[in-house]
Structures are given as structure tokens and as C-alpha cells.
Amino acid sequence: MISMRTAAAQDAAAVADCYLRARRAAVPAIPPSVHPDAEVRAWFADTVLPGQEVRVAEASPAVVAMMVLDGDWVEQRY
């Protein structure tokens, strides 16, 4: 069963991993990331989760999808 919830600070690594997996799976439809994985993880932990609303879809215990909202705007969805 999949459930949706707002991500918390402790979800940063799982959210970043979901993002990285999705980006890699989408190549070549979208360009590969130019940032190292550690930089992406730090960005989610230090910038995205503290500053924006992040929702996750969870198939316990794994995060299987994520969405970043900036007000009414969907910034990211993976």
C-alpha cells in the first residue's frame, strides 16, 4: 500500500535517493545530472527540505516518489 505524507528533515537522504534514482532512469530523455550524489544529498538536506514543502509517496518503509512544492508551483516531481 502506498501512502502520502509531508517529508520531514530526517527524510532528506531518502528523498535525495529517490530523486537520483529517477534522474538516472530517465536518461537519455532528460540529461544526466552534472552534480555529484553527495552534493545533491546536501542540497536536499540543507536547502530543499528546510525551504519548500516536500511530499513523499511511501511504500513502507521506502520512499518511492517525491514532489517539491513552492507555493502553488510544482518545482519537482520524481
PDB file of N, CA and C in Angstrom:
ATOM      1  N   MET A   1       0.843  -1.179   0.000  1.00  0.00           N
ATOM      2  CA  MET A   1       0.000   0.000   0.000  1.00  0.00           C
ATOM      3  C   MET A   1       0.887   1.241   0.000  1.00  0.00           C
ATOM      4  N   ILE A   2       0.508   2.212  -0.793  1.00  0.00           N
ATOM      5  CA  ILE A   2       1.261   3.457  -0.876  1.00  0.00           C
ATOM      6  C   ILE A   2       0.527   4.531  -0.095  1.00  0.00           C
ATOM      7  N   SER A   3       1.296   5.270   0.704  1.00  0.00           N
ATOM      8  CA  SER A   3       0.716   6.384   1.454  1.00  0.00           C
ATOM      9  C   SER A   3       1.479   7.654   1.111  1.00  0.00           C
ATOM     10  N   MET A   4       0.807   8.790   1.264  1.00  0.00           N
ATOM     11  CA  MET A   4       1.397  10.112   1.003  1.00  0.00           C
ATOM     12  C   MET A   4       1.535  10.837   2.321  1.00  0.00           C
ATOM     13  N   ARG A   5       2.634  11.593   2.439  1.00  0.00           N
ATOM     14  CA  ARG A   5       2.822  12.414   3.630  1.00  0.00           C
ATOM     15  C   ARG A   5       3.811  13.528   3.329  1.00  0.00           C
ATOM     16  N   THR A   6       3.820  14.512   4.204  1.00  0.00           N
ATOM     17  CA  THR A   6       4.803  15.582   4.114  1.00  0.00           C
ATOM     18  C   THR A   6       6.135  15.058   4.635  1.00  0.00           C
ATOM     19  N   ALA A   7       7.193  15.342   3.913  1.00  0.00           N
ATOM     20  CA  ALA A   7       8.522  14.881   4.318  1.00  0.00           C
ATOM     21  C   ALA A   7       9.016  15.697   5.507  1.00  0.00           C
ATOM     22  N   ALA A   8       9.829  15.052   6.319  1.00  0.00           N
ATOM     23  CA  ALA A   8      10.477  15.693   7.463  1.00  0.00           C
ATOM     24  C   ALA A   8      11.979  15.744   7.196  1.00  0.00           C
ATOM     25  N   ALA A   9      12.692  16.492   8.019  1.00  0.00           N
ATOM     26  CA  ALA A   9      14.137  16.645   7.845  1.00  0.00           C
ATOM     27  C   ALA A   9      14.846  15.295   7.783  1.00  0.00           C
ATOM     28  N   GLN A  10      14.397  14.341   8.567  1.00  0.00           N
ATOM     29  CA  GLN A  10      15.059  13.031   8.585  1.00  0.00           C
ATOM     30  C   GLN A  10      14.826  12.232   7.305  1.00  0.00           C
ATOM     31  N   ASP A  11      13.970  12.718   6.420  1.00  0.00           N
ATOM     32  CA  ASP A  11      13.716  12.059   5.140  1.00  0.00           C
ATOM     33  C   ASP A  11      14.646  12.541   4.029  1.00  0.00           C
ATOM     34  N   ALA A  12      15.527  13.471   4.323  1.00  0.00           N
ATOM     35  CA  ALA A  12      16.355  14.091   3.278  1.00  0.00           C
ATOM     36  C   ALA A  12      17.112  13.056   2.454  1.00  0.00           C
ATOM     37  N   ALA A  13      17.737  12.090   3.086  1.00  0.00           N
ATOM     38  CA  ALA A  13      18.517  11.095   2.340  1.00  0.00           C
ATOM     39  C   ALA A  13      17.615  10.257   1.446  1.00  0.00           C
ATOM     40  N   ALA A  14      16.462   9.837   1.946  1.00  0.00           N
ATOM     41  CA  ALA A  14      15.539   9.022   1.155  1.00  0.00           C
ATOM     42  C   ALA A  14      14.973   9.817  -0.014  1.00  0.00           C
ATOM     43  N   VAL A  15      14.676  11.093   0.204  1.00  0.00           N
ATOM     44  CA  VAL A  15      14.156  11.945  -0.867  1.00  0.00           C
ATOM     45  C   VAL A  15      15.231  12.140  -1.931  1.00  0.00           C
ATOM     46  N   ALA A  16      16.458  12.413  -1.509  1.00  0.00           N
ATOM     47  CA  ALA A  16      17.558  12.582  -2.458  1.00  0.00           C
ATOM     48  C   ALA A  16      17.802  11.297  -3.246  1.00  0.00           C
ATOM     49  N   ASP A  17      17.752  10.154  -2.573  1.00  0.00           N
ATOM     50  CA  ASP A  17      17.956   8.881  -3.263  1.00  0.00           C
ATOM     51  C   ASP A  17      16.871   8.639  -4.303  1.00  0.00           C
ATOM     52  N   CYS A  18      15.634   8.973  -3.979  1.00  0.00           N
ATOM     53  CA  CYS A  18      14.519   8.836  -4.924  1.00  0.00           C
ATOM     54  C   CYS A  18      14.767   9.721  -6.150  1.00  0.00           C
ATOM     55  N   TYR A  19      15.164  10.946  -5.910  1.00  0.00           N
ATOM     56  CA  TYR A  19      15.484  11.890  -6.987  1.00  0.00           C
ATOM     57  C   TYR A  19      16.597  11.337  -7.868  1.00  0.00           C
ATOM     58  N   LEU A  20      17.679  10.877  -7.249  1.00  0.00           N
ATOM     59  CA  LEU A  20      18.826  10.370  -8.006  1.00  0.00           C
ATOM     60  C   LEU A  20      18.455   9.138  -8.831  1.00  0.00           C
ATOM     61  N   ARG A  21      17.694   8.217  -8.245  1.00  0.00           N
ATOM     62  CA  ARG A  21      17.256   7.022  -8.988  1.00  0.00           C
ATOM     63  C   ARG A  21      16.406   7.408 -10.197  1.00  0.00           C
ATOM     64  N   ALA A  22      15.474   8.320  -9.983  1.00  0.00           N
ATOM     65  CA  ALA A  22      14.577   8.729 -11.065  1.00  0.00           C
ATOM     66  C   ALA A  22      15.338   9.442 -12.176  1.00  0.00           C
ATOM     67  N   ARG A  23      16.263  10.318 -11.797  1.00  0.00           N
ATOM     68  CA  ARG A  23      17.049  11.024 -12.808  1.00  0.00           C
ATOM     69  C   ARG A  23      17.862  10.051 -13.650  1.00  0.00           C
ATOM     70  N   ARG A  24      18.511   9.089 -12.989  1.00  0.00           N
ATOM     71  CA  ARG A  24      19.319   8.110 -13.727  1.00  0.00           C
ATOM     72  C   ARG A  24      18.445   7.265 -14.662  1.00  0.00           C
ATOM     73  N   ALA A  25      17.274   6.894 -14.202  1.00  0.00           N
ATOM     74  CA  ALA A  25      16.382   6.069 -15.017  1.00  0.00           C
ATOM     75  C   ALA A  25      15.842   6.826 -16.223  1.00  0.00           C
ATOM     76  N   ALA A  26      15.801   8.149 -16.158  1.00  0.00           N
ATOM     77  CA  ALA A  26      15.223   8.960 -17.225  1.00  0.00           C
ATOM     78  C   ALA A  26      16.211   9.311 -18.338  1.00  0.00           C
ATOM     79  N   VAL A  27      17.485   9.066 -18.126  1.00  0.00           N
ATOM     80  CA  VAL A  27      18.472   9.344 -19.169  1.00  0.00           C
ATOM     81  C   VAL A  27      18.254   8.336 -20.293  1.00  0.00           C
ATOM     82  N   PRO A  28      18.198   8.700 -21.540  1.00  0.00           N
ATOM     83  CA  PRO A  28      18.559   9.967 -22.143  1.00  0.00           C
ATOM     84  C   PRO A  28      17.398  10.934 -22.376  1.00  0.00           C
ATOM     85  N   ALA A  29      16.199  10.623 -21.892  1.00  0.00           N
ATOM     86  CA  ALA A  29      15.062  11.529 -22.100  1.00  0.00           C
ATOM     87  C   ALA A  29      15.325  12.893 -21.465  1.00  0.00           C
ATOM     88  N   ILE A  30      16.018  12.900 -20.348  1.00  0.00           N
ATOM     89  CA  ILE A  30      16.496  14.144 -19.748  1.00  0.00           C
ATOM     90  C   ILE A  30      18.000  13.983 -19.550  1.00  0.00           C
ATOM     91  N   PRO A  31      18.742  15.089 -19.533  1.00  0.00           N
ATOM     92  CA  PRO A  31      20.191  14.977 -19.390  1.00  0.00           C
ATOM     93  C   PRO A  31      20.577  14.432 -18.015  1.00  0.00           C
ATOM     94  N   PRO A  32      21.689  13.718 -17.932  1.00  0.00           N
ATOM     95  CA  PRO A  32      22.148  13.257 -16.625  1.00  0.00           C
ATOM     96  C   PRO A  32      22.517  14.441 -15.738  1.00  0.00           C
ATOM     97  N   SER A  33      22.462  14.222 -14.460  1.00  0.00           N
ATOM     98  CA  SER A  33      22.828  15.268 -13.507  1.00  0.00           C
ATOM     99  C   SER A  33      24.303  15.617 -13.652  1.00  0.00           C
ATOM    100  N   VAL A  34      24.620  16.879 -13.480  1.00  0.00           N
ATOM    101  CA  VAL A  34      26.017  17.313 -13.522  1.00  0.00           C
ATOM    102  C   VAL A  34      26.602  17.414 -12.117  1.00  0.00           C
ATOM    103  N   HIS A  35      25.775  17.167 -11.104  1.00  0.00           N
ATOM    104  CA  HIS A  35      26.206  17.283  -9.719  1.00  0.00           C
ATOM    105  C   HIS A  35      26.506  15.917  -9.119  1.00  0.00           C
ATOM    106  N   PRO A  36      27.559  15.824  -8.330  1.00  0.00           N
ATOM    107  CA  PRO A  36      27.841  14.558  -7.638  1.00  0.00           C
ATOM    108  C   PRO A  36      26.720  14.226  -6.648  1.00  0.00           C
ATOM    109  N   ASP A  37      26.530  12.936  -6.382  1.00  0.00           N
ATOM    110  CA  ASP A  37      25.470  12.494  -5.480  1.00  0.00           C
ATOM    111  C   ASP A  37      25.548  13.184  -4.116  1.00  0.00           C
ATOM    112  N   ALA A  38      26.740  13.325  -3.571  1.00  0.00           N
ATOM    113  CA  ALA A  38      26.887  13.954  -2.249  1.00  0.00           C
ATOM    114  C   ALA A  38      26.392  15.399  -2.269  1.00  0.00           C
ATOM    115  N   GLU A  39      26.625  16.094  -3.360  1.00  0.00           N
ATOM    116  CA  GLU A  39      26.158  17.481  -3.489  1.00  0.00           C
ATOM    117  C   GLU A  39      24.628  17.530  -3.557  1.00  0.00           C
ATOM    118  N   VAL A  40      24.027  16.599  -4.277  1.00  0.00           N
ATOM    119  CA  VAL A  40      22.564  16.521  -4.382  1.00  0.00           C
ATOM    120  C   VAL A  40      21.961  16.226  -3.008  1.00  0.00           C
ATOM    121  N   ARG A  41      22.555  15.295  -2.286  1.00  0.00           N
ATOM    122  CA  ARG A  41      22.042  14.958  -0.951  1.00  0.00           C
ATOM    123  C   ARG A  41      22.127  16.156  -0.009  1.00  0.00           C
ATOM    124  N   ALA A  42      23.245  16.880  -0.061  1.00  0.00           N
ATOM    125  CA  ALA A  42      23.401  18.076   0.786  1.00  0.00           C
ATOM    126  C   ALA A  42      22.392  19.145   0.395  1.00  0.00           C
ATOM    127  N   TRP A  43      22.128  19.310  -0.896  1.00  0.00           N
ATOM    128  CA  TRP A  43      21.168  20.307  -1.366  1.00  0.00           C
ATOM    129  C   TRP A  43      19.764  19.999  -0.844  1.00  0.00           C
ATOM    130  N   PHE A  44      19.367  18.727  -0.899  1.00  0.00           N
ATOM    131  CA  PHE A  44      18.056  18.371  -0.355  1.00  0.00           C
ATOM    132  C   PHE A  44      17.998  18.619   1.151  1.00  0.00           C
ATOM    133  N   ALA A  45      19.038  18.224   1.874  1.00  0.00           N
ATOM    134  CA  ALA A  45      19.046  18.357   3.331  1.00  0.00           C
ATOM    135  C   ALA A  45      19.127  19.805   3.785  1.00  0.00           C
ATOM    136  N   ASP A  46      19.936  20.612   3.106  1.00  0.00           N
ATOM    137  CA  ASP A  46      20.223  21.968   3.578  1.00  0.00           C
ATOM    138  C   ASP A  46      19.373  23.052   2.934  1.00  0.00           C
ATOM    139  N   THR A  47      18.816  22.790   1.760  1.00  0.00           N
ATOM    140  CA  THR A  47      18.086  23.838   1.027  1.00  0.00           C
ATOM    141  C   THR A  47      16.632  23.465   0.765  1.00  0.00           C
ATOM    142  N   VAL A  48      16.413  22.316   0.151  1.00  0.00           N
ATOM    143  CA  VAL A  48      15.067  21.968  -0.304  1.00  0.00           C
ATOM    144  C   VAL A  48      14.131  21.682   0.868  1.00  0.00           C
ATOM    145  N   LEU A  49      14.474  20.722   1.708  1.00  0.00           N
ATOM    146  CA  LEU A  49      13.551  20.363   2.796  1.00  0.00           C
ATOM    147  C   LEU A  49      13.298  21.502   3.776  1.00  0.00           C
ATOM    148  N   PRO A  50      14.308  22.293   4.152  1.00  0.00           N
ATOM    149  CA  PRO A  50      14.012  23.403   5.069  1.00  0.00           C
ATOM    150  C   PRO A  50      13.224  24.554   4.426  1.00  0.00           C
ATOM    151  N   GLY A  51      13.312  24.697   3.094  1.00  0.00           N
ATOM    152  CA  GLY A  51      12.747  25.882   2.471  1.00  0.00           C
ATOM    153  C   GLY A  51      11.498  25.689   1.642  1.00  0.00           C
ATOM    154  N   GLN A  52      11.147  24.439   1.338  1.00  0.00           N
ATOM    155  CA  GLN A  52       9.999  24.193   0.489  1.00  0.00           C
ATOM    156  C   GLN A  52       9.174  23.045   1.060  1.00  0.00           C
ATOM    157  N   GLU A  53       7.957  22.945   0.586  1.00  0.00           N
ATOM    158  CA  GLU A  53       7.114  21.828   1.006  1.00  0.00           C
ATOM    159  C   GLU A  53       7.467  20.619   0.155  1.00  0.00           C
ATOM    160  N   VAL A  54       7.787  19.523   0.810  1.00  0.00           N
ATOM    161  CA  VAL A  54       8.155  18.295   0.110  1.00  0.00           C
ATOM    162  C   VAL A  54       7.179  17.210   0.530  1.00  0.00           C
ATOM    163  N   ARG A  55       6.562  16.571  -0.451  1.00  0.00           N
ATOM    164  CA  ARG A  55       5.657  15.447  -0.204  1.00  0.00           C
ATOM    165  C   ARG A  55       6.317  14.185  -0.703  1.00  0.00           C
ATOM    166  N   VAL A  56       6.089  13.080  -0.006  1.00  0.00           N
ATOM    167  CA  VAL A  56       6.624  11.799  -0.442  1.00  0.00           C
ATOM    168  C   VAL A  56       5.505  10.774  -0.525  1.00  0.00           C
ATOM    169  N   ALA A  57       5.670   9.860  -1.471  1.00  0.00           N
ATOM    170  CA  ALA A  57       4.832   8.663  -1.545  1.00  0.00           C
ATOM    171  C   ALA A  57       5.695   7.556  -0.985  1.00  0.00           C
ATOM    172  N   GLU A  58       5.111   6.794  -0.078  1.00  0.00           N
ATOM    173  CA  GLU A  58       5.872   5.793   0.649  1.00  0.00           C
ATOM    174  C   GLU A  58       5.188   4.437   0.539  1.00  0.00           C
ATOM    175  N   ALA A  59       5.972   3.442   0.145  1.00  0.00           N
ATOM    176  CA  ALA A  59       5.534   2.049   0.209  1.00  0.00           C
ATOM    177  C   ALA A  59       6.387   1.469   1.325  1.00  0.00           C
ATOM    178  N   SER A  60       5.857   1.509   2.511  1.00  0.00           N
ATOM    179  CA  SER A  60       6.606   1.273   3.741  1.00  0.00           C
ATOM    180  C   SER A  60       7.618   0.160   3.611  1.00  0.00           C
ATOM    181  N   PRO A  61       8.859   0.442   3.948  1.00  0.00           N
ATOM    182  CA  PRO A  61       9.355   1.701   4.509  1.00  0.00           C
ATOM    183  C   PRO A  61      10.026   2.602   3.486  1.00  0.00           C
ATOM    184  N   ALA A  62       9.917   2.338   2.196  1.00  0.00           N
ATOM    185  CA  ALA A  62      10.680   3.067   1.190  1.00  0.00           C
ATOM    186  C   ALA A  62       9.928   4.254   0.606  1.00  0.00           C
ATOM    187  N   VAL A  63      10.648   5.347   0.372  1.00  0.00           N
ATOM    188  CA  VAL A  63      10.121   6.482  -0.376  1.00  0.00           C
ATOM    189  C   VAL A  63      10.200   6.102  -1.849  1.00  0.00           C
ATOM    190  N   VAL A  64       9.059   6.102  -2.532  1.00  0.00           N
ATOM    191  CA  VAL A  64       9.009   5.674  -3.931  1.00  0.00           C
ATOM    192  C   VAL A  64       8.723   6.823  -4.898  1.00  0.00           C
ATOM    193  N   ALA A  65       8.364   7.981  -4.370  1.00  0.00           N
ATOM    194  CA  ALA A  65       8.145   9.167  -5.201  1.00  0.00           C
ATOM    195  C   ALA A  65       8.247  10.391  -4.315  1.00  0.00           C
ATOM    196  N   MET A  66       8.573  11.530  -4.961  1.00  0.00           N
ATOM    197  CA  MET A  66       8.666  12.775  -4.208  1.00  0.00           C
ATOM    198  C   MET A  66       8.187  13.933  -5.077  1.00  0.00           C
ATOM    199  N   MET A  67       7.691  14.967  -4.402  1.00  0.00           N
ATOM    200  CA  MET A  67       7.243  16.165  -5.086  1.00  0.00           C
ATOM    201  C   MET A  67       7.626  17.366  -4.227  1.00  0.00           C
ATOM    202  N   VAL A  68       8.204  18.368  -4.876  1.00  0.00           N
ATOM    203  CA  VAL A  68       8.605  19.586  -4.184  1.00  0.00           C
ATOM    204  C   VAL A  68       7.687  20.709  -4.644  1.00  0.00           C
ATOM    205  N   LEU A  69       7.056  21.372  -3.686  1.00  0.00           N
ATOM    206  CA  LEU A  69       6.145  22.479  -3.976  1.00  0.00           C
ATOM    207  C   LEU A  69       6.757  23.788  -3.500  1.00  0.00           C
ATOM    208  N   ASP A  70       6.595  24.821  -4.314  1.00  0.00           N
ATOM    209  CA  ASP A  70       6.989  26.171  -3.936  1.00  0.00           C
ATOM    210  C   ASP A  70       5.728  27.010  -4.080  1.00  0.00           C
ATOM    211  N   GLY A  71       4.990  27.126  -2.991  1.00  0.00           N
ATOM    212  CA  GLY A  71       3.677  27.757  -3.057  1.00  0.00           C
ATOM    213  C   GLY A  71       2.753  26.861  -3.859  1.00  0.00           C
ATOM    214  N   ASP A  72       2.144  27.411  -4.895  1.00  0.00           N
ATOM    215  CA  ASP A  72       1.252  26.639  -5.760  1.00  0.00           C
ATOM    216  C   ASP A  72       1.993  25.988  -6.933  1.00  0.00           C
ATOM    217  N   TRP A  73       3.293  26.187  -7.012  1.00  0.00           N
ATOM    218  CA  TRP A  73       4.084  25.713  -8.130  1.00  0.00           C
ATOM    219  C   TRP A  73       4.757  24.379  -7.805  1.00  0.00           C
ATOM    220  N   VAL A  74       4.648  23.419  -8.717  1.00  0.00           N
ATOM    221  CA  VAL A  74       5.366  22.148  -8.557  1.00  0.00           C
ATOM    222  C   VAL A  74       6.766  22.351  -9.115  1.00  0.00           C
ATOM    223  N   GLU A  75       7.741  22.358  -8.229  1.00  0.00           N
ATOM    224  CA  GLU A  75       9.138  22.548  -8.624  1.00  0.00           C
ATOM    225  C   GLU A  75       9.732  21.264  -9.184  1.00  0.00           C
ATOM    226  N   GLN A  76       9.429  20.161  -8.531  1.00  0.00           N
ATOM    227  CA  GLN A  76       9.990  18.879  -8.950  1.00  0.00           C
ATOM    228  C   GLN A  76       9.002  17.771  -8.642  1.00  0.00           C
ATOM    229  N   ARG A  77       9.049  16.736  -9.478  1.00  0.00           N
ATOM    230  CA  ARG A  77       8.217  15.576  -9.240  1.00  0.00           C
ATOM    231  C   ARG A  77       8.946  14.367  -9.823  1.00  0.00           C
ATOM    232  N   TYR A  78       9.313  13.459  -8.965  1.00  0.00           N
ATOM    233  CA  TYR A  78      10.052  12.263  -9.391  1.00  0.00           C
ATOM    234  C   TYR A  78       9.487  11.060  -8.682  1.00  0.00           C
TER     235      TYR A  78
END
